[in-house]
Every structure is written in structure tokens, then in C-alpha cells.
Amino acid sequence: MLPPPVRLLRFRQTRVRPGGSCPRIGRPCTGKELGLPVGQPVPFDDDLRVVSGRAIPARPSNDALSGRYSTNATATALGTARADSRQRTLTELQNDESQVAAKADPFGDLNGWRFSVAPMMDWTDRQCRAFHRVLSRRARLYTEMVTTGAVLHGDRVRLLGFDAGEQPVAVQLGGSHPGDLAAAARIAADFGYAEINLNVGCPSDRVQEGRFGACLMREPDLVGACVAAMKAAVSVPVTVKCRLGVDDQDIEAALDAVVGAVVAAGADGLIVHARKAWLKGLSPRENRDVPPLDYGRVARLKAARPDLPIAVNGGIADIASAKARLAEVDGVMMGRAAYTDPALLLAVDPELFGEPAPVADAFAAVEALEPTIAEGLGRGLRLHAYTRHMLGLFNGRPGARAYRRHLATAGMAPEAGLATLREAVAQVSRMEVSRERTSPPQQAA
């Protein structure tokens, strides 16, 4: 395996000899650092940037950025990715058969992707993920969407830091610049994420202004170029989350175009929110439930692409709904139902994976989370950073309202601690209740 990557380097028709001074990083380059024999020249030119011997497409020119990516642009990025991938496979994986197998089937038997909790802005932060992990060992968890600009120029530890106990956890990136996405993906992979996901489904105005999210459904070649660049930069799975289409697009043609581009670019899987996004006329909230669901379109896609791992998102409110969708596709992604009624995650492992739940019930989940909360409080976090994600844990039980009220009042105080949480839990009856819900919560974008 290669050592951790050095910073991104890019030079115009220059060569840097290992052991010589590198003007961009201000210190000598070594063959070991770049994954090359000592003394071998290391080329940097207008077409490639090198990260520890891994070649990724360079930042496109201003002309390319101002126009649209053509099929040729996608093919060029894909060709670079494939050529680099072949070289890396021979040099890095020859002596590691298990890694070769992982590349051939990045999700193993697909059980690792069978159930996931959707990325949700302002909700699925690391405290939320720590809580959800207590409820299910097997659910794949996702970060909130993080933009490439934030990753490249912001506080990376705050944005991307997570605890190893959250695994398997994936990061969702938002962006439309292949070079920036490649750089951000490399950074995220170095943090240890199990998957890099590209957002092609968010319909918010702010995201559209940045030319990413659902508006990319109109630019399949650009999406393909982005995926090709990310695939060339990292060895972990790269996936895409998209919609059926946007506005007046035909959902057959629009989805097929995006899927064709990302498959050609080497995407490892696809998550489809089974709705259109209406970028004109509907708010992000309305886009979560006003456009009609069309699970049949996703099922047809899976039938046409049997070798592509496909998960479906949208309107999945309980485990029974998840099981129904798993008869058609490889995985299900649950959003707001998992957040607003988190106790249903206790059924994920036994019902979908045939394994015991990590804890017996919601009360045991709180106890299991206490050491994590105590550690966070010791780092200066407030109790509310955790309990705001736990308000729906006891939904349907007598005393649930008093529990929420206590956390919304006493739990907001700066001095609130584990004793406050225990006082809130003490308001809840331990009488067994049915997990059925009569009104499904809204689903994530």
C-alpha cells in the first residue's frame, strides 16, 4: 500500500526529482513519498496532478468551466481514470488478494448497502450518527452533504471528523467541478470514510446557485466527468445519489442518461430518490413529498442494469416498506422516518440482516450512548448536541411528551448533563408498545 498522500501538486512541463526541492510544498520530494523508486523523475504537466503516485484529472480550463462537458470530456476523464486505475491495480494490489476482491465487488454481497440512513442537512452530524449506530450495527450511515469548497478551504476536522465506532459511514459531497471533487474525495478517503457519494438530488436554491445537486440531472456528461475524476483519486467506492429527473424532463430518458454516464465512469453504485425534483415552483420541503413516487421506474432500472448496485430512497417509512422495496432493488435508504422515529432502527439488524439488535430496547440504547455523551461533554459539547437527535426515541410510549419537554427545557441549559437525560427518561413508561405508525413521516431529499 502507498503511504498517506502528499498535497496536490501541479506543474507546467516540469520535472521534480525525488530528493530535490519541491517549490509547491516547500520541502524535498522523495520516491517513497510519491510511491516511486528513489531517483525516478516525477512528471507534472497540464493534464495530470499527482497525489502519492495517483494521477487525477487536472482542473479544467476556464473555457471548459464556462461551457458544458461533452461526451469527449467525459471520455477523456474516464480514459485517464482507467489508465491510472490499471497501473495502480498492478502495483498496489498484486500482493493483496483481499483488496483485489474488494475492488471487484466493493459492497461484498451487497448486505453492506442493504439499509442506510439518508444524508440530511442539519441532522446527520456525528452526534446523530453515534446515536444511530447504537441502534443498528449494520445500517450504513451518511454525513450531511459537505461542499467541495468547504472541504478544500474549511475546517476539515470539524467537517469530516468522525469516530471509528460510526463505521460503516459514508461522506456525501456536493460539487460539480471534477478536479475539486477529486481533491475533496481524496481528503475524505484519507479520513477513513467507507464510501464517497456525489449529491445529484438536492433541489434547494442555494445548491442550484452553486451548480450542483439536482440541477446536474440536466448535465449527465458533467456528472460522468465528476465520477471519473473521483474514481481516479480514491480506492473506496464512489456512488451517486440522484432523482428520477427534474422539472419537465422525461424520467425514462433523464435517468437513463445520468446512469449511462456514471456507469461508464466507473460508479460503484446508485441511490435513486424515486421522485422528480421540481426546481421551479416547489420548495425543498415540498420536493420531499409533493412529486409522486415512482418505485416502478427504479425497479425497471434495476432490471435493465442487474450488475449495478441500486438502492431506492423516498417514502420508506417503516421496515415493512423497506422489505417490499428490497424485493426489487439491492438496498433501501430511509430518511426522516429514521430520524423522527429512531427506535424503528432497532428492527433493522434482526429484520433485514438476521442478526440480533445491538441493544434490547430504547431504554438500553440511552444507557449505551451515555459514555459517548460523557466524552462529548468532556470536550465542551452541550447535552443538546446529542439529545436534539433523540427526541423521537420514545414515540408512542406513555410519558414521551414529558420526556421531550424536559429535554427541550432543562436539557438546553449549559450545565445540563447525564443526570438531566436520566431525569427525562424517567418520565417514560417501560410498558411495551407497538412499533406501528399510522402516519409516515416525510422523507429526505
Protein backbone atom coordinates (compact mmCIF):
# COMPACT_ATOMS: atom_id res chain seq x y z
CA MET A 1 0.00 0.00 0.00
CA LEU A 2 1.17 3.55 -0.68
CA PRO A 3 1.85 5.96 2.21
CA PRO A 4 -0.59 8.77 3.04
CA PRO A 5 -0.82 11.30 0.18
CA VAL A 6 1.15 14.49 -0.05
CA ARG A 7 -0.56 17.71 -1.00
CA LEU A 8 -1.90 18.13 -4.54
CA LEU A 9 0.88 19.10 -6.93
CA ARG A 10 0.58 20.61 -10.40
CA PHE A 11 3.35 22.00 -12.60
CA ARG A 12 3.57 23.08 -16.23
CA GLN A 13 6.04 20.88 -18.17
CA THR A 14 8.41 20.46 -15.24
CA ARG A 15 10.02 17.52 -13.57
CA VAL A 16 10.82 17.13 -9.90
CA ARG A 17 13.42 14.57 -8.95
CA PRO A 18 12.79 12.76 -5.65
CA GLY A 19 15.23 14.12 -3.13
CA GLY A 20 15.21 17.52 -4.82
CA SER A 21 13.39 20.58 -3.54
CA CYS A 22 9.72 20.90 -4.48
CA PRO A 23 8.70 24.58 -4.75
CA ARG A 24 4.99 23.86 -4.14
CA ILE A 25 5.31 22.01 -0.83
CA GLY A 26 8.48 23.74 0.37
CA ARG A 27 10.42 20.61 1.19
CA PRO A 28 12.19 17.76 -0.64
CA CYS A 29 10.14 15.15 -2.51
CA THR A 30 11.09 11.51 -2.04
CA GLY A 31 10.43 8.47 -4.19
CA LYS A 32 8.84 6.77 -1.21
CA GLU A 33 6.54 9.72 -0.64
CA LEU A 34 5.35 9.61 -4.24
CA GLY A 35 5.17 5.82 -4.42
CA LEU A 36 8.06 5.66 -6.91
CA PRO A 37 11.64 4.31 -6.79
CA VAL A 38 14.12 6.83 -5.44
CA GLY A 39 15.80 8.69 -8.28
CA GLN A 40 12.98 8.26 -10.79
CA PRO A 41 11.81 11.55 -12.34
CA VAL A 42 8.25 12.54 -11.44
CA PRO A 43 6.40 14.35 -14.26
CA PHE A 44 3.79 17.02 -13.65
CA ASP A 45 2.05 18.60 -16.61
CA ASP A 46 -1.17 20.30 -17.71
CA ASP A 47 -3.12 17.06 -17.89
CA LEU A 48 -2.41 15.36 -14.58
CA ARG A 49 -1.88 16.11 -10.94
CA VAL A 50 -0.08 13.55 -8.85
CA VAL A 51 -1.07 12.54 -5.32
CA SER A 52 1.29 9.90 -3.92
CA GLY A 53 1.64 8.43 -7.39
CA ARG A 54 -2.12 8.55 -8.09
CA ALA A 55 -3.00 10.52 -11.21
CA ILE A 56 -6.25 12.51 -11.31
CA PRO A 57 -7.62 14.88 -13.98
CA ALA A 58 -6.27 18.39 -13.59
CA ARG A 59 -8.53 21.38 -13.01
CA PRO A 60 -10.36 22.16 -16.29
CA SER A 61 -9.56 25.39 -18.10
CA ASN A 62 -11.76 28.45 -17.78
CA ASP A 63 -13.13 27.67 -21.25
CA ALA A 64 -14.18 24.22 -20.10
CA LEU A 65 -15.75 25.61 -16.96
CA SER A 66 -17.76 28.20 -18.83
CA GLY A 67 -19.19 25.65 -21.26
CA ARG A 68 -20.74 22.22 -20.90
CA TYR A 69 -18.90 18.94 -20.61
CA SER A 70 -19.20 16.94 -23.82
CA THR A 71 -19.10 13.21 -24.23
CA ASN A 72 -15.46 13.65 -25.28
CA ALA A 73 -14.65 15.39 -22.00
CA THR A 74 -16.20 12.54 -20.07
CA ALA A 75 -14.33 10.02 -22.17
CA THR A 76 -11.03 11.85 -21.59
CA ALA A 77 -11.55 11.88 -17.82
CA LEU A 78 -12.64 8.26 -17.91
CA GLY A 79 -9.65 7.24 -20.01
CA THR A 80 -7.28 8.89 -17.54
CA ALA A 81 -9.09 7.21 -14.67
CA ARG A 82 -8.99 3.79 -16.29
CA ALA A 83 -5.34 4.03 -17.28
CA ASP A 84 -4.35 5.15 -13.80
CA SER A 85 -6.56 2.50 -12.21
CA ARG A 86 -4.89 -0.25 -14.25
CA GLN A 87 -1.43 0.96 -13.25
CA ARG A 88 -2.34 1.22 -9.57
CA THR A 89 -4.03 -2.18 -9.57
CA LEU A 90 -0.84 -3.84 -10.86
CA THR A 91 1.50 -2.08 -8.48
CA GLU A 92 -0.58 -1.80 -5.31
CA LEU A 93 -2.85 -4.81 -5.28
CA GLN A 94 -0.74 -7.58 -6.74
CA ASN A 95 0.19 -8.90 -3.30
CA ASP A 96 -3.18 -8.38 -1.64
CA GLU A 97 -5.88 -10.68 -2.99
CA SER A 98 -8.45 -9.49 -0.47
CA GLN A 99 -8.18 -5.93 -1.77
CA VAL A 100 -8.50 -7.14 -5.34
CA ALA A 101 -11.73 -8.90 -4.34
CA ALA A 102 -12.96 -5.77 -2.62
CA LYS A 103 -12.39 -3.75 -5.79
CA ALA A 104 -14.27 -6.30 -7.87
CA ASP A 105 -17.25 -6.14 -5.53
CA PRO A 106 -16.93 -3.04 -3.30
CA PHE A 107 -20.06 -3.86 -1.32
CA GLY A 108 -19.26 -7.55 -0.82
CA ASP A 109 -22.54 -9.45 -1.02
CA LEU A 110 -24.40 -6.10 -1.08
CA ASN A 111 -25.55 -6.65 2.51
CA GLY A 112 -23.37 -3.70 3.47
CA TRP A 113 -25.59 -1.48 1.32
CA ARG A 114 -28.89 -3.21 2.11
CA PHE A 115 -30.07 -0.49 4.50
CA SER A 116 -28.83 3.04 5.03
CA VAL A 117 -29.86 6.26 6.73
CA ALA A 118 -30.02 9.17 4.30
CA PRO A 119 -27.75 12.22 4.45
CA MET A 120 -29.86 15.03 5.92
CA MET A 121 -28.71 18.61 6.28
CA ASP A 122 -28.55 19.88 9.88
CA TRP A 123 -29.44 16.41 11.16
CA THR A 124 -26.99 13.62 10.36
CA ASP A 125 -23.98 15.11 12.12
CA ARG A 126 -21.53 12.96 14.06
CA GLN A 127 -23.62 13.08 17.26
CA CYS A 128 -26.65 11.83 15.35
CA ARG A 129 -24.60 9.09 13.72
CA ALA A 130 -23.21 7.97 17.07
CA PHE A 131 -26.79 7.64 18.33
CA HIS A 132 -27.98 5.74 15.26
CA ARG A 133 -25.03 3.37 15.47
CA VAL A 134 -26.16 2.34 18.94
CA LEU A 135 -29.49 1.28 17.40
CA SER A 136 -28.07 -0.68 14.45
CA ARG A 137 -24.68 -2.21 13.79
CA ARG A 138 -25.40 -2.85 10.11
CA ALA A 139 -27.07 0.31 8.80
CA ARG A 140 -24.81 2.36 6.56
CA LEU A 141 -24.71 5.95 7.84
CA TYR A 142 -24.13 9.10 5.80
CA THR A 143 -22.83 12.53 6.70
CA GLU A 144 -24.66 15.70 5.93
CA MET A 145 -23.77 16.95 2.47
CA VAL A 146 -20.41 18.75 2.53
CA THR A 147 -19.47 21.03 -0.36
CA THR A 148 -16.12 20.75 -2.07
CA GLY A 149 -15.34 24.34 -1.20
CA ALA A 150 -15.84 23.64 2.49
CA VAL A 151 -13.63 20.55 2.34
CA LEU A 152 -10.83 22.25 0.42
CA HIS A 153 -10.82 25.52 2.33
CA GLY A 154 -12.65 24.95 5.64
CA ASP A 155 -12.00 23.24 8.96
CA ARG A 156 -11.67 19.67 7.78
CA VAL A 157 -11.57 18.10 11.21
CA ARG A 158 -14.82 19.78 12.16
CA LEU A 159 -16.46 18.98 8.83
CA LEU A 160 -15.18 15.45 8.27
CA GLY A 161 -14.04 14.15 11.63
CA PHE A 162 -15.84 11.08 12.94
CA ASP A 163 -15.37 8.28 15.42
CA ALA A 164 -14.33 4.85 14.18
CA GLY A 165 -17.33 3.43 16.03
CA GLU A 166 -19.63 5.08 13.47
CA GLN A 167 -18.44 2.78 10.67
CA PRO A 168 -19.65 1.91 8.13
CA VAL A 169 -20.07 5.61 7.37
CA ALA A 170 -20.08 7.40 4.00
CA VAL A 171 -19.50 11.05 3.17
CA GLN A 172 -21.72 12.91 0.72
CA LEU A 173 -20.02 15.59 -1.35
CA GLY A 174 -21.70 18.45 -3.17
CA GLY A 175 -19.97 20.00 -6.17
CA SER A 176 -19.69 19.99 -9.95
CA HIS A 177 -16.01 20.65 -10.60
CA PRO A 178 -14.25 17.34 -11.39
CA GLY A 179 -10.85 18.46 -10.09
CA ASP A 180 -12.24 19.84 -6.85
CA LEU A 181 -14.39 16.75 -6.31
CA ALA A 182 -11.35 14.54 -6.85
CA ALA A 183 -9.33 16.52 -4.31
CA ALA A 184 -12.19 16.53 -1.78
CA ALA A 185 -12.77 12.80 -2.28
CA ARG A 186 -9.09 12.09 -1.62
CA ILE A 187 -9.22 14.12 1.58
CA ALA A 188 -12.40 12.34 2.72
CA ALA A 189 -10.92 8.93 1.92
CA ASP A 190 -7.86 9.77 4.00
CA PHE A 191 -10.19 10.46 6.92
CA GLY A 192 -11.32 6.84 6.59
CA TYR A 193 -14.79 7.05 5.04
CA ALA A 194 -16.08 3.78 3.59
CA GLU A 195 -17.75 5.43 0.59
CA ILE A 196 -17.78 8.74 -1.27
CA ASN A 197 -21.23 9.78 -2.51
CA LEU A 198 -21.96 12.55 -5.02
CA ASN A 199 -25.13 14.58 -4.48
CA VAL A 200 -27.17 14.87 -7.69
CA GLY A 201 -30.53 15.13 -5.93
CA CYS A 202 -30.73 18.18 -3.65
CA PRO A 203 -33.25 20.73 -5.05
CA SER A 204 -32.51 23.76 -2.85
CA ASP A 205 -31.99 27.21 -4.41
CA ARG A 206 -28.62 27.60 -2.72
CA VAL A 207 -27.39 24.33 -4.19
CA GLN A 208 -28.67 25.26 -7.65
CA GLU A 209 -26.77 28.54 -7.48
CA GLY A 210 -23.62 26.51 -6.92
CA ARG A 211 -24.45 24.38 -9.98
CA PHE A 212 -24.71 21.09 -8.16
CA GLY A 213 -27.36 18.87 -6.63
CA ALA A 214 -30.50 18.03 -8.62
CA CYS A 215 -29.78 20.54 -11.39
CA LEU A 216 -26.97 18.21 -12.50
CA MET A 217 -29.65 15.83 -13.78
CA ARG A 218 -29.60 18.11 -16.85
CA GLU A 219 -25.84 17.59 -17.34
CA PRO A 220 -25.14 13.85 -17.41
CA ASP A 221 -21.78 14.25 -19.13
CA LEU A 222 -20.57 16.57 -16.40
CA VAL A 223 -21.75 14.09 -13.76
CA GLY A 224 -19.81 11.38 -15.57
CA ALA A 225 -16.67 13.53 -15.64
CA CYS A 226 -17.04 14.17 -11.89
CA VAL A 227 -17.37 10.47 -11.11
CA ALA A 228 -14.40 9.58 -13.34
CA ALA A 229 -12.21 12.13 -11.54
CA MET A 230 -13.27 10.86 -8.11
CA LYS A 231 -12.74 7.24 -9.10
CA ALA A 232 -9.21 8.06 -10.25
CA ALA A 233 -8.45 9.76 -6.95
CA VAL A 234 -9.65 7.15 -4.42
CA SER A 235 -9.88 3.40 -3.97
CA VAL A 236 -13.04 3.35 -1.83
CA PRO A 237 -16.44 3.01 -3.56
CA VAL A 238 -17.78 6.11 -5.33
CA THR A 239 -21.57 6.31 -5.58
CA VAL A 240 -24.17 8.79 -6.84
CA LYS A 241 -27.49 9.84 -5.28
CA CYS A 242 -29.92 11.28 -7.80
CA ARG A 243 -33.57 11.92 -8.65
CA LEU A 244 -35.67 10.46 -11.48
CA GLY A 245 -35.34 13.79 -13.27
CA VAL A 246 -36.10 17.47 -12.83
CA ASP A 247 -38.93 19.74 -13.97
CA ASP A 248 -40.38 18.66 -17.31
CA GLN A 249 -37.72 16.03 -18.08
CA ASP A 250 -38.91 12.62 -19.21
CA ILE A 251 -37.96 10.30 -16.35
CA GLU A 252 -37.07 7.43 -18.66
CA ALA A 253 -34.61 9.41 -20.79
CA ALA A 254 -33.27 11.63 -17.99
CA LEU A 255 -32.46 8.82 -15.58
CA ASP A 256 -31.01 6.60 -18.31
CA ALA A 257 -28.70 9.41 -19.43
CA VAL A 258 -27.30 10.02 -15.95
CA VAL A 259 -26.96 6.31 -15.21
CA GLY A 260 -25.23 5.66 -18.52
CA ALA A 261 -22.69 8.41 -17.81
CA VAL A 262 -21.88 7.33 -14.25
CA VAL A 263 -21.65 3.64 -15.15
CA ALA A 264 -19.25 4.47 -17.98
CA ALA A 265 -17.22 6.50 -15.48
CA GLY A 266 -16.98 3.53 -13.11
CA ALA A 267 -19.50 4.40 -10.39
CA ASP A 268 -19.82 1.63 -7.81
CA GLY A 269 -23.49 2.16 -7.03
CA LEU A 270 -26.53 4.39 -7.40
CA ILE A 271 -29.11 5.65 -4.93
CA VAL A 272 -32.29 6.89 -6.57
CA HIS A 273 -34.83 9.09 -4.83
CA ALA A 274 -37.92 7.80 -6.62
CA ARG A 275 -39.35 11.25 -7.34
CA LYS A 276 -38.72 14.07 -9.71
CA ALA A 277 -37.42 17.34 -8.30
CA TRP A 278 -39.26 20.47 -9.37
CA LEU A 279 -36.65 23.19 -9.29
CA LYS A 280 -39.18 25.83 -10.27
CA GLY A 281 -42.35 26.12 -8.23
CA LEU A 282 -41.67 23.82 -5.27
CA SER A 283 -39.64 24.41 -2.13
CA PRO A 284 -37.11 21.82 -0.89
CA ARG A 285 -39.67 20.70 1.71
CA GLU A 286 -42.38 20.31 -0.91
CA ASN A 287 -39.98 18.42 -3.15
CA ARG A 288 -39.76 15.74 -0.47
CA ASP A 289 -43.37 14.65 -0.79
CA VAL A 290 -45.33 16.56 -3.46
CA PRO A 291 -43.86 14.92 -6.59
CA PRO A 292 -45.37 11.42 -6.82
CA LEU A 293 -43.26 8.38 -6.01
CA ASP A 294 -42.46 6.03 -8.86
CA TYR A 295 -40.81 2.91 -7.46
CA GLY A 296 -41.62 1.14 -10.71
CA ARG A 297 -39.13 3.35 -12.58
CA VAL A 298 -36.36 2.33 -10.18
CA ALA A 299 -37.33 -1.33 -10.48
CA ARG A 300 -37.13 -1.07 -14.29
CA LEU A 301 -33.70 0.49 -13.98
CA LYS A 302 -32.51 -2.39 -11.82
CA ALA A 303 -33.90 -4.92 -14.28
CA ALA A 304 -32.00 -3.17 -17.08
CA ARG A 305 -28.81 -2.85 -15.01
CA PRO A 306 -28.60 -6.09 -13.00
CA ASP A 307 -24.86 -5.66 -12.32
CA LEU A 308 -25.18 -2.14 -10.90
CA PRO A 309 -25.89 -1.94 -7.14
CA ILE A 310 -29.02 0.21 -6.83
CA ALA A 311 -30.72 1.49 -3.68
CA VAL A 312 -34.04 3.33 -3.54
CA ASN A 313 -34.93 6.32 -1.38
CA GLY A 314 -38.20 8.17 -0.82
CA GLY A 315 -41.35 7.42 1.18
CA ILE A 316 -39.89 4.43 3.05
CA ALA A 317 -41.45 4.89 6.47
CA ASP A 318 -41.04 1.51 8.19
CA ILE A 319 -39.32 -1.85 7.97
CA ALA A 320 -42.25 -3.43 6.15
CA SER A 321 -41.91 -0.81 3.39
CA ALA A 322 -38.18 -1.45 3.26
CA LYS A 323 -38.73 -5.19 2.80
CA ALA A 324 -41.15 -4.55 -0.03
CA ARG A 325 -38.63 -2.42 -1.90
CA LEU A 326 -35.81 -4.93 -1.32
CA ALA A 327 -37.73 -7.39 -3.48
CA GLU A 328 -36.92 -5.08 -6.42
CA VAL A 329 -33.55 -3.46 -5.69
CA ASP A 330 -30.36 -4.07 -3.71
CA GLY A 331 -30.81 -1.52 -0.95
CA VAL A 332 -33.12 0.96 0.72
CA MET A 333 -32.27 4.36 2.15
CA MET A 334 -34.53 5.71 4.88
CA GLY A 335 -34.53 9.41 5.72
CA ARG A 336 -36.87 11.30 8.03
CA ALA A 337 -38.64 8.23 9.33
CA ALA A 338 -35.34 7.03 10.80
CA TYR A 339 -34.69 10.45 12.30
CA THR A 340 -38.11 11.29 13.72
CA ASP A 341 -38.83 7.75 14.94
CA PRO A 342 -35.35 6.37 15.59
CA ALA A 343 -36.48 3.36 17.63
CA LEU A 344 -37.51 1.68 14.39
CA LEU A 345 -33.78 1.27 13.68
CA LEU A 346 -33.77 -1.36 16.41
CA ALA A 347 -35.56 -3.65 13.96
CA VAL A 348 -33.05 -3.19 11.12
CA ASP A 349 -30.48 -5.78 12.16
CA PRO A 350 -32.91 -8.59 13.10
CA GLU A 351 -35.42 -7.97 10.29
CA LEU A 352 -33.09 -7.14 7.40
CA PHE A 353 -29.81 -8.83 8.32
CA GLY A 354 -30.89 -11.74 10.51
CA GLU A 355 -28.74 -10.55 13.41
CA PRO A 356 -29.65 -9.53 16.97
CA ALA A 357 -30.20 -5.83 17.65
CA PRO A 358 -27.26 -4.17 19.46
CA VAL A 359 -29.45 -3.31 22.46
CA ALA A 360 -32.70 -4.66 23.86
CA ASP A 361 -34.82 -1.51 23.61
CA ALA A 362 -34.83 2.29 23.56
CA PHE A 363 -34.01 2.49 27.28
CA ALA A 364 -30.94 0.31 26.78
CA ALA A 365 -29.97 2.48 23.81
CA VAL A 366 -29.81 5.57 26.02
CA GLU A 367 -27.64 3.73 28.53
CA ALA A 368 -25.34 2.50 25.76
CA LEU A 369 -24.95 6.05 24.44
CA GLU A 370 -24.11 7.57 27.82
CA PRO A 371 -20.31 7.01 27.63
CA THR A 372 -20.23 8.72 24.23
CA ILE A 373 -22.25 11.65 25.58
CA ALA A 374 -19.98 11.89 28.63
CA GLU A 375 -16.93 12.02 26.36
CA GLY A 376 -18.56 14.76 24.27
CA LEU A 377 -19.46 16.78 27.33
CA GLY A 378 -15.85 16.50 28.41
CA ARG A 379 -14.81 18.05 25.07
CA GLY A 380 -17.09 21.02 25.65
CA LEU A 381 -20.20 19.91 23.76
CA ARG A 382 -23.59 20.59 25.28
CA LEU A 383 -26.06 17.85 26.09
CA HIS A 384 -28.42 19.28 23.48
CA ALA A 385 -25.92 18.39 20.72
CA TYR A 386 -26.91 14.76 21.34
CA THR A 387 -30.44 14.91 22.72
CA ARG A 388 -31.83 17.00 19.85
CA HIS A 389 -31.48 13.83 17.75
CA MET A 390 -33.17 11.69 20.42
CA LEU A 391 -36.49 13.50 20.85
CA GLY A 392 -38.49 10.87 18.96
CA LEU A 393 -36.90 7.85 20.61
CA PHE A 394 -39.89 7.08 22.83
CA ASN A 395 -42.65 7.98 20.40
CA GLY A 396 -45.88 6.14 21.24
CA ARG A 397 -44.96 5.42 24.86
CA PRO A 398 -46.76 6.99 27.82
CA GLY A 399 -44.59 9.80 29.10
CA ALA A 400 -42.93 10.53 25.74
CA ARG A 401 -44.25 14.09 25.74
CA ALA A 402 -42.86 14.76 29.22
CA TYR A 403 -39.52 13.31 28.10
CA ARG A 404 -39.37 15.67 25.14
CA ARG A 405 -40.47 18.64 27.25
CA HIS A 406 -37.74 18.01 29.83
CA LEU A 407 -35.06 17.79 27.14
CA ALA A 408 -36.41 20.93 25.43
CA THR A 409 -36.22 22.91 28.67
CA ALA A 410 -33.75 21.61 31.25
CA GLY A 411 -31.76 19.84 28.56
CA MET A 412 -30.96 23.16 26.87
CA ALA A 413 -29.18 24.61 29.90
CA PRO A 414 -25.38 24.98 29.61
CA GLU A 415 -24.92 22.88 32.75
CA ALA A 416 -27.19 20.03 31.60
CA GLY A 417 -25.53 16.63 31.82
CA LEU A 418 -26.26 12.92 32.04
CA ALA A 419 -28.39 13.45 35.13
CA THR A 420 -30.69 15.67 33.05
CA LEU A 421 -31.01 12.98 30.41
CA ARG A 422 -31.79 10.35 33.03
CA GLU A 423 -34.47 12.59 34.53
CA ALA A 424 -36.09 12.88 31.12
CA VAL A 425 -36.01 9.12 30.52
CA ALA A 426 -37.54 8.54 33.95
CA GLN A 427 -40.71 10.25 32.68
CA VAL A 428 -41.32 7.43 30.17
CA SER A 429 -43.27 4.27 30.89
CA ARG A 430 -41.46 0.99 30.22
CA MET A 431 -44.68 -0.67 29.13
CA GLU A 432 -44.32 -2.44 25.78
CA VAL A 433 -45.87 -0.62 22.81
CA SER A 434 -46.44 -1.47 19.16
CA ARG A 435 -43.93 -0.06 16.68
CA GLU A 436 -46.60 0.53 14.03
CA ARG A 437 -47.10 4.08 12.82
CA THR A 438 -50.27 5.33 11.21
CA SER A 439 -48.87 8.47 9.55
CA PRO A 440 -45.47 8.04 7.87
CA PRO A 441 -43.05 10.95 8.34
CA GLN A 442 -41.76 12.83 5.31
CA GLN A 443 -38.72 11.53 3.50
CA ALA A 444 -35.40 13.22 2.92
CA ALA A 445 -34.43 14.95 -0.30
